[in-house]
């Protein structure tokens, strides 16, 4: 059965003067391609709509040529205000440092995450994408991540980027503060955690694994243990 996926990407383009950021290209393209290959419909949305900034550090001479077609989907994203959860089977949040700035505080995104989760639909995020979850609160007022096994870009990995002093918060630390059960793997290794219909991955290397876990869960139509 065909599925419909909402991918939400950042609209934020700068860490500090002279340092641009945005989405990490491979995290979007690998997930988009995985869903597209299933024959599923994918809608790409962002807080501001329109063109999404791509972190220049994620684009280089070794970037896969096949990325170009999928990357075109970032040129004209739908505005989040125009999206409702009832049209979709899952929401997927790729990372990139831009996600640390606008996704945690976007009110429409927070309401979408609550609605997806409480409707039993798949909520998935990878690398800095789980930053969106730090602002998500359920209808009973509790943090969405409280008591859930989660994974995201770790504090140790962030230390290696040397960008820590410029970020609004450290993602692993904030998730732990919210009561999440954070399960980390060694730096830059593929790892994800699935807690029911919440699936989160650690870093760019984890994108394919997270995508496959979402595909498997949607095919089964249930939740993981």
N, C-alpha and C. Protein backbone atom coordinates (compact mmCIF):
# COMPACT_ATOMS: atom_id res chain seq x y z
N UNK A 1 0.84 -1.20 0.00
CA UNK A 1 0.00 0.00 0.00
C UNK A 1 0.88 1.25 0.00
N UNK A 2 0.52 2.21 -0.83
CA UNK A 2 1.31 3.43 -0.92
C UNK A 2 1.19 4.25 0.36
N UNK A 3 2.28 4.88 0.74
CA UNK A 3 2.33 5.72 1.93
C UNK A 3 2.66 7.15 1.54
N UNK A 4 2.40 8.06 2.47
CA UNK A 4 2.73 9.46 2.24
C UNK A 4 3.60 9.95 3.39
N UNK A 5 4.76 10.50 3.05
CA UNK A 5 5.76 10.92 4.04
C UNK A 5 5.91 12.44 4.03
N UNK A 6 5.90 13.03 5.20
CA UNK A 6 6.22 14.46 5.34
C UNK A 6 7.66 14.58 5.81
N UNK A 7 8.52 15.21 5.01
CA UNK A 7 9.88 15.49 5.42
C UNK A 7 9.96 16.97 5.77
N UNK A 8 10.44 17.28 6.96
CA UNK A 8 10.55 18.66 7.43
C UNK A 8 12.01 19.03 7.54
N UNK A 9 12.38 20.11 6.86
CA UNK A 9 13.77 20.55 6.82
C UNK A 9 13.90 21.97 7.35
N UNK A 10 15.10 22.33 7.72
CA UNK A 10 15.36 23.64 8.31
C UNK A 10 15.29 24.75 7.27
N UNK A 11 15.00 25.97 7.75
CA UNK A 11 15.09 27.18 6.93
C UNK A 11 16.25 28.07 7.37
N UNK A 12 17.00 27.62 8.38
CA UNK A 12 18.03 28.47 9.01
C UNK A 12 19.37 28.30 8.30
N UNK A 13 20.04 29.42 8.01
CA UNK A 13 21.22 29.37 7.15
C UNK A 13 22.54 29.81 7.77
N UNK A 14 22.55 30.32 9.01
CA UNK A 14 23.81 30.83 9.57
C UNK A 14 24.01 30.39 11.02
N UNK A 15 25.24 30.04 11.35
CA UNK A 15 25.62 29.76 12.74
C UNK A 15 26.15 31.04 13.38
N UNK A 16 27.04 31.71 12.68
CA UNK A 16 27.52 33.02 13.10
C UNK A 16 28.04 33.72 11.86
N UNK A 17 28.41 34.95 11.97
CA UNK A 17 28.88 35.69 10.81
C UNK A 17 30.06 34.97 10.15
N UNK A 18 29.89 34.69 8.89
CA UNK A 18 30.95 34.01 8.15
C UNK A 18 30.85 32.50 8.17
N UNK A 19 29.91 31.93 8.93
CA UNK A 19 29.75 30.47 9.00
C UNK A 19 28.31 30.12 8.63
N UNK A 20 28.14 29.63 7.41
CA UNK A 20 26.80 29.26 6.96
C UNK A 20 26.51 27.81 7.29
N UNK A 21 25.22 27.51 7.36
CA UNK A 21 24.79 26.15 7.65
C UNK A 21 23.51 25.87 6.88
N UNK A 22 22.72 24.96 7.35
CA UNK A 22 21.49 24.57 6.68
C UNK A 22 21.25 23.10 6.91
N UNK A 23 20.66 22.44 5.92
CA UNK A 23 20.45 21.00 6.02
C UNK A 23 21.72 20.27 5.60
N UNK A 24 21.94 19.08 6.19
CA UNK A 24 23.05 18.23 5.76
C UNK A 24 22.53 17.40 4.60
N UNK A 25 23.09 17.62 3.42
CA UNK A 25 22.48 17.15 2.19
C UNK A 25 22.24 15.65 2.17
N UNK A 26 23.22 14.85 2.58
CA UNK A 26 23.06 13.40 2.49
C UNK A 26 21.91 12.90 3.34
N UNK A 27 21.66 13.56 4.46
CA UNK A 27 20.58 13.12 5.35
C UNK A 27 19.22 13.31 4.70
N UNK A 28 19.10 14.34 3.90
CA UNK A 28 17.85 14.52 3.16
C UNK A 28 17.77 13.56 1.98
N UNK A 29 18.82 13.55 1.17
CA UNK A 29 18.77 12.81 -0.09
C UNK A 29 18.63 11.31 0.15
N UNK A 30 19.39 10.76 1.10
CA UNK A 30 19.32 9.32 1.33
C UNK A 30 17.94 8.90 1.83
N UNK A 31 17.34 9.73 2.68
CA UNK A 31 15.99 9.40 3.16
C UNK A 31 14.96 9.59 2.05
N UNK A 32 15.03 10.71 1.36
CA UNK A 32 14.08 10.97 0.27
C UNK A 32 14.14 9.85 -0.77
N UNK A 33 15.36 9.46 -1.15
CA UNK A 33 15.53 8.42 -2.15
C UNK A 33 14.95 7.10 -1.67
N UNK A 34 15.20 6.77 -0.40
CA UNK A 34 14.67 5.53 0.15
C UNK A 34 13.15 5.46 0.08
N UNK A 35 12.50 6.55 0.44
CA UNK A 35 11.03 6.58 0.40
C UNK A 35 10.52 6.59 -1.04
N UNK A 36 11.19 7.35 -1.89
CA UNK A 36 10.79 7.45 -3.29
C UNK A 36 10.89 6.10 -3.98
N UNK A 37 11.92 5.33 -3.66
CA UNK A 37 12.10 4.02 -4.27
C UNK A 37 11.00 3.04 -3.87
N UNK A 38 10.31 3.32 -2.77
CA UNK A 38 9.15 2.50 -2.38
C UNK A 38 7.91 2.86 -3.18
N UNK A 39 8.01 3.94 -3.96
CA UNK A 39 6.84 4.42 -4.69
C UNK A 39 5.94 5.30 -3.84
N UNK A 40 6.48 5.76 -2.71
CA UNK A 40 5.69 6.57 -1.79
C UNK A 40 5.76 8.05 -2.16
N UNK A 41 4.70 8.76 -1.81
CA UNK A 41 4.63 10.20 -2.06
C UNK A 41 5.35 10.93 -0.93
N UNK A 42 6.25 11.83 -1.27
CA UNK A 42 7.01 12.57 -0.28
C UNK A 42 6.77 14.06 -0.46
N UNK A 43 6.34 14.72 0.60
CA UNK A 43 6.17 16.18 0.61
C UNK A 43 7.27 16.77 1.48
N UNK A 44 7.95 17.78 0.98
CA UNK A 44 9.05 18.42 1.72
C UNK A 44 8.57 19.79 2.19
N UNK A 45 8.64 20.03 3.49
CA UNK A 45 8.17 21.29 4.07
C UNK A 45 9.24 21.89 4.96
N UNK A 46 9.13 23.19 5.20
CA UNK A 46 10.06 23.90 6.06
C UNK A 46 9.34 25.04 6.75
N UNK A 47 9.89 25.59 7.82
CA UNK A 47 9.22 26.68 8.52
C UNK A 47 8.86 27.87 7.63
N UNK A 48 9.76 28.25 6.74
CA UNK A 48 9.52 29.42 5.91
C UNK A 48 9.01 29.08 4.51
N UNK A 49 9.09 27.82 4.12
CA UNK A 49 8.75 27.44 2.76
C UNK A 49 9.81 27.92 1.78
N UNK A 50 9.63 27.62 0.52
CA UNK A 50 10.59 28.05 -0.48
C UNK A 50 11.88 27.26 -0.43
N UNK A 51 12.97 27.91 -0.83
CA UNK A 51 14.26 27.22 -0.93
C UNK A 51 14.90 27.01 0.44
N UNK A 52 15.39 25.80 0.65
CA UNK A 52 16.05 25.44 1.90
C UNK A 52 17.57 25.59 1.76
N UNK A 53 18.23 26.22 2.73
CA UNK A 53 19.69 26.33 2.66
C UNK A 53 20.36 24.97 2.89
N UNK A 54 21.39 24.71 2.12
CA UNK A 54 22.16 23.47 2.25
C UNK A 54 23.51 23.82 2.85
N UNK A 55 23.92 23.10 3.88
CA UNK A 55 25.22 23.33 4.49
C UNK A 55 26.31 23.07 3.45
N UNK A 56 27.13 24.07 3.14
CA UNK A 56 28.16 23.87 2.11
C UNK A 56 29.15 22.77 2.46
N UNK A 57 29.32 22.49 3.76
CA UNK A 57 30.25 21.44 4.16
C UNK A 57 29.74 20.05 3.77
N UNK A 58 28.45 19.96 3.44
CA UNK A 58 27.87 18.67 3.07
C UNK A 58 27.90 18.44 1.56
N UNK A 59 28.46 19.39 0.83
CA UNK A 59 28.54 19.29 -0.62
C UNK A 59 30.01 19.39 -1.02
N UNK A 60 30.48 18.42 -1.77
CA UNK A 60 31.89 18.44 -2.17
C UNK A 60 32.10 17.70 -3.46
N UNK A 61 33.36 17.54 -3.82
CA UNK A 61 33.69 16.85 -5.07
C UNK A 61 33.24 15.40 -5.06
N UNK A 62 33.13 14.82 -3.85
CA UNK A 62 32.74 13.42 -3.76
C UNK A 62 31.25 13.23 -3.57
N UNK A 63 30.45 14.31 -3.67
CA UNK A 63 29.01 14.21 -3.55
C UNK A 63 28.47 13.35 -4.69
N UNK A 64 27.61 12.42 -4.36
CA UNK A 64 27.05 11.52 -5.36
C UNK A 64 26.31 12.31 -6.44
N UNK A 65 26.57 12.03 -7.71
CA UNK A 65 25.84 12.72 -8.78
C UNK A 65 24.33 12.50 -8.67
N UNK A 66 23.93 11.34 -8.15
CA UNK A 66 22.51 11.03 -8.02
C UNK A 66 21.80 11.94 -7.02
N UNK A 67 22.60 12.65 -6.19
CA UNK A 67 22.00 13.54 -5.21
C UNK A 67 21.28 14.71 -5.88
N UNK A 68 21.72 15.08 -7.06
CA UNK A 68 21.23 16.31 -7.69
C UNK A 68 19.72 16.30 -7.89
N UNK A 69 19.17 15.19 -8.36
CA UNK A 69 17.73 15.14 -8.65
C UNK A 69 16.92 15.29 -7.37
N UNK A 70 17.30 14.55 -6.33
CA UNK A 70 16.58 14.65 -5.06
C UNK A 70 16.75 16.03 -4.44
N UNK A 71 17.95 16.60 -4.57
CA UNK A 71 18.22 17.91 -3.97
C UNK A 71 17.35 19.00 -4.57
N UNK A 72 16.85 18.79 -5.78
CA UNK A 72 15.95 19.78 -6.39
C UNK A 72 14.69 19.97 -5.57
N UNK A 73 14.33 18.96 -4.78
CA UNK A 73 13.13 19.06 -3.94
C UNK A 73 13.30 20.10 -2.84
N UNK A 74 14.55 20.53 -2.59
CA UNK A 74 14.82 21.54 -1.58
C UNK A 74 14.67 22.96 -2.11
N UNK A 75 14.42 23.09 -3.40
CA UNK A 75 14.38 24.41 -4.01
C UNK A 75 13.04 25.11 -3.82
N UNK A 76 11.98 24.34 -3.52
CA UNK A 76 10.66 24.95 -3.37
C UNK A 76 9.83 24.15 -2.38
N UNK A 77 10.20 24.25 -1.11
CA UNK A 77 9.50 23.48 -0.07
C UNK A 77 8.16 24.13 0.28
N UNK A 78 7.27 23.31 0.80
CA UNK A 78 5.97 23.78 1.26
C UNK A 78 6.15 24.46 2.62
N UNK A 79 5.38 25.49 2.89
CA UNK A 79 5.43 26.13 4.20
C UNK A 79 4.70 25.28 5.22
N UNK A 80 5.30 25.10 6.39
CA UNK A 80 4.72 24.24 7.42
C UNK A 80 3.29 24.65 7.80
N UNK A 81 3.01 25.93 7.77
CA UNK A 81 1.67 26.40 8.13
C UNK A 81 0.59 25.82 7.22
N UNK A 82 0.97 25.33 6.05
CA UNK A 82 0.01 24.81 5.09
C UNK A 82 -0.13 23.29 5.16
N UNK A 83 0.45 22.68 6.20
CA UNK A 83 0.47 21.22 6.32
C UNK A 83 -0.41 20.75 7.48
N UNK A 84 -1.10 19.64 7.28
CA UNK A 84 -1.84 18.99 8.37
C UNK A 84 -1.39 17.53 8.48
N UNK A 85 -1.41 17.00 9.70
CA UNK A 85 -0.86 15.66 9.92
C UNK A 85 -1.72 14.56 9.33
N UNK A 86 -3.01 14.80 9.16
CA UNK A 86 -3.92 13.73 8.76
C UNK A 86 -3.67 13.22 7.34
N UNK A 87 -2.90 13.95 6.56
CA UNK A 87 -2.61 13.54 5.18
C UNK A 87 -1.45 12.56 5.08
N UNK A 88 -0.75 12.32 6.19
CA UNK A 88 0.52 11.60 6.13
C UNK A 88 0.54 10.39 7.05
N UNK A 89 1.46 9.47 6.71
CA UNK A 89 1.67 8.27 7.54
C UNK A 89 2.87 8.41 8.46
N UNK A 90 3.79 9.32 8.12
CA UNK A 90 5.01 9.49 8.91
C UNK A 90 5.58 10.88 8.70
N UNK A 91 6.32 11.34 9.70
CA UNK A 91 7.09 12.58 9.59
C UNK A 91 8.55 12.23 9.79
N UNK A 92 9.42 12.80 8.95
CA UNK A 92 10.86 12.50 9.00
C UNK A 92 11.61 13.82 9.02
N UNK A 93 12.54 13.95 9.98
CA UNK A 93 13.30 15.19 10.16
C UNK A 93 14.79 14.95 9.96
N UNK A 94 15.34 15.34 8.81
CA UNK A 94 16.79 15.27 8.62
C UNK A 94 17.47 16.38 9.43
N UNK A 95 18.79 16.28 9.55
CA UNK A 95 19.51 17.25 10.36
C UNK A 95 20.28 18.28 9.57
N UNK A 96 21.47 18.56 10.06
CA UNK A 96 22.22 19.73 9.67
C UNK A 96 22.10 20.72 10.81
N UNK A 97 23.14 21.51 11.06
CA UNK A 97 23.13 22.40 12.22
C UNK A 97 22.01 23.44 12.17
N UNK A 98 21.50 23.74 10.98
CA UNK A 98 20.39 24.68 10.89
C UNK A 98 19.20 24.24 11.72
N UNK A 99 19.01 22.93 11.82
CA UNK A 99 17.87 22.39 12.56
C UNK A 99 17.89 22.75 14.04
N UNK A 100 19.06 23.08 14.56
CA UNK A 100 19.19 23.43 15.97
C UNK A 100 18.56 24.78 16.29
N UNK A 101 18.34 25.59 15.29
CA UNK A 101 17.91 26.97 15.51
C UNK A 101 16.41 27.17 15.33
N UNK A 102 15.84 26.66 14.24
CA UNK A 102 14.43 26.97 13.99
C UNK A 102 13.47 25.83 14.32
N UNK A 103 13.89 24.59 14.21
CA UNK A 103 12.95 23.49 14.44
C UNK A 103 12.49 23.36 15.89
N UNK A 104 13.35 23.62 16.90
CA UNK A 104 12.88 23.45 18.29
C UNK A 104 11.81 24.44 18.71
N UNK A 105 11.72 25.58 18.03
CA UNK A 105 10.82 26.65 18.49
C UNK A 105 9.67 26.92 17.53
N UNK A 106 9.58 26.18 16.44
CA UNK A 106 8.50 26.42 15.48
C UNK A 106 7.19 25.83 16.03
N UNK A 107 6.22 26.69 16.30
CA UNK A 107 4.99 26.24 16.96
C UNK A 107 4.19 25.27 16.10
N UNK A 108 4.14 25.52 14.81
CA UNK A 108 3.40 24.60 13.94
C UNK A 108 4.04 23.23 13.93
N UNK A 109 5.37 23.19 13.88
CA UNK A 109 6.05 21.90 13.91
C UNK A 109 5.79 21.17 15.21
N UNK A 110 5.81 21.90 16.33
CA UNK A 110 5.56 21.24 17.61
C UNK A 110 4.16 20.63 17.67
N UNK A 111 3.18 21.33 17.11
CA UNK A 111 1.82 20.78 17.10
C UNK A 111 1.73 19.58 16.16
N UNK A 112 2.44 19.64 15.04
CA UNK A 112 2.45 18.50 14.13
C UNK A 112 3.07 17.27 14.78
N UNK A 113 4.19 17.47 15.47
CA UNK A 113 4.84 16.34 16.14
C UNK A 113 3.92 15.72 17.17
N UNK A 114 3.23 16.54 17.94
CA UNK A 114 2.27 16.01 18.92
C UNK A 114 1.17 15.22 18.21
N UNK A 115 0.63 15.79 17.15
CA UNK A 115 -0.48 15.14 16.46
C UNK A 115 -0.03 13.83 15.79
N UNK A 116 1.13 13.84 15.16
CA UNK A 116 1.65 12.60 14.58
C UNK A 116 1.81 11.54 15.65
N UNK A 117 2.48 11.91 16.74
CA UNK A 117 2.79 10.93 17.77
C UNK A 117 1.52 10.39 18.44
N UNK A 118 0.62 11.28 18.79
CA UNK A 118 -0.58 10.84 19.50
C UNK A 118 -1.57 10.11 18.59
N UNK A 119 -1.38 10.25 17.28
CA UNK A 119 -2.21 9.50 16.33
C UNK A 119 -1.62 8.13 16.01
N UNK A 120 -0.48 7.82 16.63
CA UNK A 120 0.16 6.54 16.39
C UNK A 120 0.93 6.47 15.09
N UNK A 121 1.23 7.64 14.51
CA UNK A 121 1.98 7.67 13.25
C UNK A 121 3.48 7.74 13.54
N UNK A 122 4.27 7.34 12.58
CA UNK A 122 5.71 7.27 12.76
C UNK A 122 6.31 8.68 12.84
N UNK A 123 7.14 8.88 13.87
CA UNK A 123 7.91 10.11 14.04
C UNK A 123 9.38 9.70 14.00
N UNK A 124 10.13 10.23 13.01
CA UNK A 124 11.53 9.82 12.84
C UNK A 124 12.41 11.04 12.62
N UNK A 125 13.64 10.95 13.10
CA UNK A 125 14.58 12.06 12.96
C UNK A 125 15.99 11.51 13.03
N UNK A 126 16.94 12.24 12.41
CA UNK A 126 18.32 11.78 12.40
C UNK A 126 19.28 12.94 12.62
N UNK A 127 20.37 12.66 13.33
CA UNK A 127 21.46 13.60 13.56
C UNK A 127 20.98 14.81 14.37
N UNK A 128 20.95 16.01 13.77
CA UNK A 128 20.41 17.17 14.47
C UNK A 128 18.91 17.32 14.28
N UNK A 129 18.31 16.47 13.46
CA UNK A 129 16.86 16.51 13.28
C UNK A 129 16.09 16.34 14.58
N UNK A 130 16.56 15.47 15.52
CA UNK A 130 15.85 15.35 16.79
C UNK A 130 15.81 16.63 17.62
N UNK A 131 16.53 17.69 17.19
CA UNK A 131 16.39 18.98 17.87
C UNK A 131 14.94 19.43 17.87
N UNK A 132 14.19 19.06 16.84
CA UNK A 132 12.77 19.42 16.78
C UNK A 132 12.00 18.84 17.96
N UNK A 133 12.46 17.69 18.47
CA UNK A 133 11.74 17.00 19.54
C UNK A 133 11.88 17.69 20.89
N UNK A 134 12.89 18.55 21.06
CA UNK A 134 13.08 19.15 22.38
C UNK A 134 11.96 20.13 22.72
N UNK A 135 11.24 20.62 21.71
CA UNK A 135 10.13 21.52 21.98
C UNK A 135 8.78 20.85 21.92
N UNK A 136 8.75 19.56 21.61
CA UNK A 136 7.48 18.85 21.42
C UNK A 136 6.90 18.39 22.76
N UNK A 137 5.67 18.77 23.00
CA UNK A 137 4.98 18.44 24.25
C UNK A 137 3.68 17.73 23.92
N UNK A 138 3.37 16.67 24.65
CA UNK A 138 2.14 15.93 24.44
C UNK A 138 0.95 16.65 25.07
N UNK A 139 -0.23 16.15 24.81
CA UNK A 139 -1.44 16.81 25.30
C UNK A 139 -1.52 16.87 26.82
N UNK A 140 -0.84 15.95 27.50
CA UNK A 140 -0.84 15.96 28.97
C UNK A 140 0.23 16.88 29.54
N UNK A 141 0.96 17.58 28.67
CA UNK A 141 1.96 18.52 29.12
C UNK A 141 3.36 17.95 29.28
N UNK A 142 3.52 16.66 29.08
CA UNK A 142 4.84 16.03 29.24
C UNK A 142 5.64 16.13 27.95
N UNK A 143 6.98 16.20 28.06
CA UNK A 143 7.80 16.20 26.85
C UNK A 143 7.60 14.91 26.06
N UNK A 144 7.53 15.03 24.76
CA UNK A 144 7.32 13.85 23.93
C UNK A 144 8.40 12.80 24.17
N UNK A 145 9.63 13.24 24.41
CA UNK A 145 10.75 12.30 24.54
C UNK A 145 10.90 11.71 25.94
N UNK A 146 10.16 12.19 26.91
CA UNK A 146 10.33 11.73 28.30
C UNK A 146 10.10 10.23 28.40
N UNK A 147 11.09 9.53 28.96
CA UNK A 147 10.98 8.09 29.15
C UNK A 147 11.16 7.27 27.89
N UNK A 148 11.48 7.92 26.75
CA UNK A 148 11.65 7.21 25.49
C UNK A 148 13.14 6.99 25.21
N UNK A 149 13.46 5.82 24.61
CA UNK A 149 14.81 5.58 24.13
C UNK A 149 15.03 6.39 22.86
N UNK A 150 16.04 7.25 22.90
CA UNK A 150 16.30 8.10 21.75
C UNK A 150 17.79 8.13 21.43
N UNK A 151 18.08 8.66 20.26
CA UNK A 151 19.44 8.81 19.78
C UNK A 151 19.49 10.11 18.98
N UNK A 152 20.63 10.73 18.89
CA UNK A 152 20.80 11.97 18.14
C UNK A 152 22.30 12.26 18.08
N UNK A 153 22.67 13.34 17.44
CA UNK A 153 24.07 13.76 17.40
C UNK A 153 24.55 13.94 18.83
N UNK A 154 25.64 13.27 19.18
CA UNK A 154 26.06 13.25 20.58
C UNK A 154 26.91 14.46 20.94
N UNK A 155 27.03 14.70 22.23
CA UNK A 155 27.89 15.79 22.70
C UNK A 155 29.34 15.56 22.30
N UNK A 156 29.77 14.31 22.30
CA UNK A 156 31.15 14.01 21.90
C UNK A 156 31.38 14.30 20.42
N UNK A 157 30.41 13.97 19.61
CA UNK A 157 30.53 14.29 18.19
C UNK A 157 30.52 15.80 17.96
N UNK A 158 29.67 16.50 18.74
CA UNK A 158 29.61 17.95 18.60
C UNK A 158 30.94 18.59 18.97
N UNK A 159 31.60 18.03 19.97
CA UNK A 159 32.90 18.57 20.38
C UNK A 159 33.89 18.50 19.22
N UNK A 160 33.79 17.46 18.42
CA UNK A 160 34.70 17.32 17.28
C UNK A 160 34.42 18.36 16.19
N UNK A 161 33.20 18.86 16.12
CA UNK A 161 32.90 19.86 15.09
C UNK A 161 33.47 21.23 15.45
N UNK A 162 33.77 21.46 16.72
CA UNK A 162 34.26 22.74 17.28
C UNK A 162 33.22 23.85 17.20
N UNK A 163 31.96 23.51 16.90
CA UNK A 163 30.91 24.53 16.79
C UNK A 163 30.12 24.70 18.09
N UNK A 164 30.41 23.88 19.07
CA UNK A 164 29.66 23.89 20.33
C UNK A 164 29.46 25.29 20.92
N UNK A 165 30.49 26.16 20.98
CA UNK A 165 30.30 27.48 21.61
C UNK A 165 29.26 28.35 20.90
N UNK A 166 28.96 28.04 19.65
CA UNK A 166 28.06 28.88 18.88
C UNK A 166 26.63 28.36 18.83
N UNK A 167 26.39 27.18 19.36
CA UNK A 167 25.07 26.55 19.26
C UNK A 167 24.17 26.97 20.41
N UNK A 168 22.87 26.96 20.19
CA UNK A 168 21.93 27.37 21.26
C UNK A 168 21.89 26.38 22.42
N UNK A 169 22.23 25.12 22.17
CA UNK A 169 22.28 24.10 23.23
C UNK A 169 22.97 22.87 22.65
N UNK A 170 23.32 21.94 23.53
CA UNK A 170 23.85 20.65 23.11
C UNK A 170 22.70 19.66 23.06
N UNK A 171 22.53 19.00 21.92
CA UNK A 171 21.34 18.19 21.70
C UNK A 171 21.23 17.00 22.65
N UNK A 172 22.31 16.23 22.79
CA UNK A 172 22.25 15.09 23.70
C UNK A 172 21.91 15.54 25.12
N UNK A 173 22.59 16.58 25.59
CA UNK A 173 22.34 17.06 26.96
C UNK A 173 20.90 17.51 27.14
N UNK A 174 20.35 18.22 26.16
CA UNK A 174 18.98 18.71 26.30
C UNK A 174 17.98 17.57 26.31
N UNK A 175 18.20 16.58 25.46
CA UNK A 175 17.29 15.43 25.46
C UNK A 175 17.32 14.69 26.79
N UNK A 176 18.50 14.55 27.37
CA UNK A 176 18.60 13.92 28.68
C UNK A 176 17.88 14.74 29.75
N UNK A 177 18.02 16.07 29.68
CA UNK A 177 17.35 16.95 30.64
C UNK A 177 15.83 16.80 30.58
N UNK A 178 15.33 16.47 29.40
CA UNK A 178 13.88 16.31 29.21
C UNK A 178 13.38 14.93 29.62
N UNK A 179 14.29 14.09 30.10
CA UNK A 179 13.88 12.78 30.58
C UNK A 179 14.00 11.66 29.57
N UNK A 180 14.63 11.94 28.44
CA UNK A 180 14.82 10.89 27.45
C UNK A 180 15.89 9.90 27.91
N UNK A 181 15.76 8.67 27.47
CA UNK A 181 16.77 7.65 27.72
C UNK A 181 17.69 7.65 26.51
N UNK A 182 18.79 8.38 26.61
CA UNK A 182 19.67 8.58 25.46
C UNK A 182 20.65 7.42 25.36
N UNK A 183 20.65 6.76 24.20
CA UNK A 183 21.53 5.60 23.97
C UNK A 183 22.52 5.97 22.88
N UNK A 184 23.78 6.15 23.26
CA UNK A 184 24.80 6.61 22.30
C UNK A 184 25.67 5.45 21.83
N UNK A 185 26.18 5.60 20.62
CA UNK A 185 27.15 4.67 20.06
C UNK A 185 28.46 5.42 19.85
N UNK A 186 29.56 4.73 19.52
CA UNK A 186 30.82 5.43 19.25
C UNK A 186 30.64 6.48 18.15
N UNK A 187 31.46 7.52 18.22
CA UNK A 187 31.36 8.62 17.26
C UNK A 187 31.38 8.13 15.82
N UNK A 188 30.49 8.71 15.02
CA UNK A 188 30.46 8.54 13.57
C UNK A 188 30.18 7.11 13.13
N UNK A 189 29.50 6.35 13.99
CA UNK A 189 29.06 5.01 13.60
C UNK A 189 27.55 5.03 13.42
N UNK A 190 27.07 4.15 12.56
CA UNK A 190 25.63 4.08 12.31
C UNK A 190 24.91 3.48 13.51
N UNK A 191 23.91 4.22 14.00
CA UNK A 191 23.16 3.75 15.15
C UNK A 191 21.80 4.44 15.20
N UNK A 192 20.76 3.69 15.54
CA UNK A 192 19.46 4.31 15.76
C UNK A 192 18.74 3.60 16.89
N UNK A 193 17.76 4.27 17.45
CA UNK A 193 16.91 3.69 18.47
C UNK A 193 15.46 3.77 18.01
N UNK A 194 14.72 2.70 18.23
CA UNK A 194 13.29 2.67 17.93
C UNK A 194 12.54 2.37 19.22
N UNK A 195 11.69 3.30 19.62
CA UNK A 195 10.85 3.12 20.81
C UNK A 195 9.41 3.30 20.35
N UNK A 196 8.74 2.18 20.13
CA UNK A 196 7.41 2.27 19.55
C UNK A 196 7.49 2.87 18.16
N UNK A 197 6.74 3.91 17.90
CA UNK A 197 6.76 4.54 16.57
C UNK A 197 7.61 5.80 16.54
N UNK A 198 8.52 5.92 17.53
CA UNK A 198 9.52 6.99 17.55
C UNK A 198 10.87 6.40 17.17
N UNK A 199 11.47 6.89 16.07
CA UNK A 199 12.73 6.36 15.57
C UNK A 199 13.72 7.50 15.41
N UNK A 200 14.88 7.38 16.06
CA UNK A 200 15.87 8.46 16.02
C UNK A 200 17.26 7.89 15.76
N UNK A 201 18.04 8.62 14.94
CA UNK A 201 19.38 8.17 14.57
C UNK A 201 20.44 9.18 14.94
N UNK A 202 21.67 8.73 15.04
CA UNK A 202 22.74 9.49 15.70
C UNK A 202 23.44 10.53 14.83
N UNK A 203 23.68 10.25 13.56
CA UNK A 203 24.58 11.09 12.76
C UNK A 203 24.32 10.84 11.29
N UNK A 204 25.03 11.53 10.38
CA UNK A 204 24.78 11.28 8.95
C UNK A 204 24.94 9.82 8.56
N UNK A 205 25.85 9.12 9.21
CA UNK A 205 26.08 7.71 8.88
C UNK A 205 24.87 6.82 9.22
N UNK A 206 23.94 7.36 10.00
CA UNK A 206 22.78 6.58 10.46
C UNK A 206 21.54 6.78 9.59
N UNK A 207 21.61 7.65 8.59
CA UNK A 207 20.42 8.01 7.84
C UNK A 207 19.77 6.82 7.14
N UNK A 208 20.56 6.02 6.47
CA UNK A 208 20.00 4.88 5.75
C UNK A 208 19.34 3.91 6.72
N UNK A 209 19.96 3.65 7.85
CA UNK A 209 19.40 2.74 8.84
C UNK A 209 18.07 3.25 9.38
N UNK A 210 18.00 4.56 9.66
CA UNK A 210 16.75 5.14 10.15
C UNK A 210 15.67 5.05 9.07
N UNK A 211 16.04 5.38 7.84
CA UNK A 211 15.09 5.30 6.73
C UNK A 211 14.55 3.90 6.57
N UNK A 212 15.43 2.91 6.61
CA UNK A 212 14.99 1.52 6.47
C UNK A 212 14.09 1.10 7.63
N UNK A 213 14.38 1.61 8.82
CA UNK A 213 13.54 1.28 9.97
C UNK A 213 12.14 1.87 9.80
N UNK A 214 12.06 3.07 9.27
CA UNK A 214 10.76 3.68 9.00
C UNK A 214 10.00 2.87 7.95
N UNK A 215 10.68 2.50 6.89
CA UNK A 215 10.05 1.72 5.83
C UNK A 215 9.52 0.40 6.38
N UNK A 216 10.35 -0.28 7.17
CA UNK A 216 9.94 -1.55 7.74
C UNK A 216 8.72 -1.40 8.66
N UNK A 217 8.73 -0.35 9.47
CA UNK A 217 7.62 -0.13 10.40
C UNK A 217 6.34 0.18 9.66
N UNK A 218 6.42 0.99 8.64
CA UNK A 218 5.23 1.32 7.87
C UNK A 218 4.71 0.12 7.10
N UNK A 219 5.60 -0.71 6.62
CA UNK A 219 5.16 -1.92 5.93
C UNK A 219 4.40 -2.84 6.86
N UNK A 220 4.88 -2.93 8.11
CA UNK A 220 4.24 -3.81 9.09
C UNK A 220 3.00 -3.19 9.69
N UNK A 221 2.93 -1.85 9.61
CA UNK A 221 1.74 -1.17 10.11
C UNK A 221 1.60 -1.20 11.60
N UNK A 222 2.70 -1.42 12.32
CA UNK A 222 2.64 -1.49 13.76
C UNK A 222 3.72 -0.65 14.42
N UNK A 223 4.12 -1.04 15.62
CA UNK A 223 5.19 -0.36 16.34
C UNK A 223 6.28 -1.35 16.65
N UNK A 224 7.50 -0.84 16.77
CA UNK A 224 8.62 -1.71 17.13
C UNK A 224 8.65 -1.91 18.62
N UNK A 225 9.32 -2.96 19.05
CA UNK A 225 9.40 -3.24 20.49
C UNK A 225 10.52 -2.45 21.13
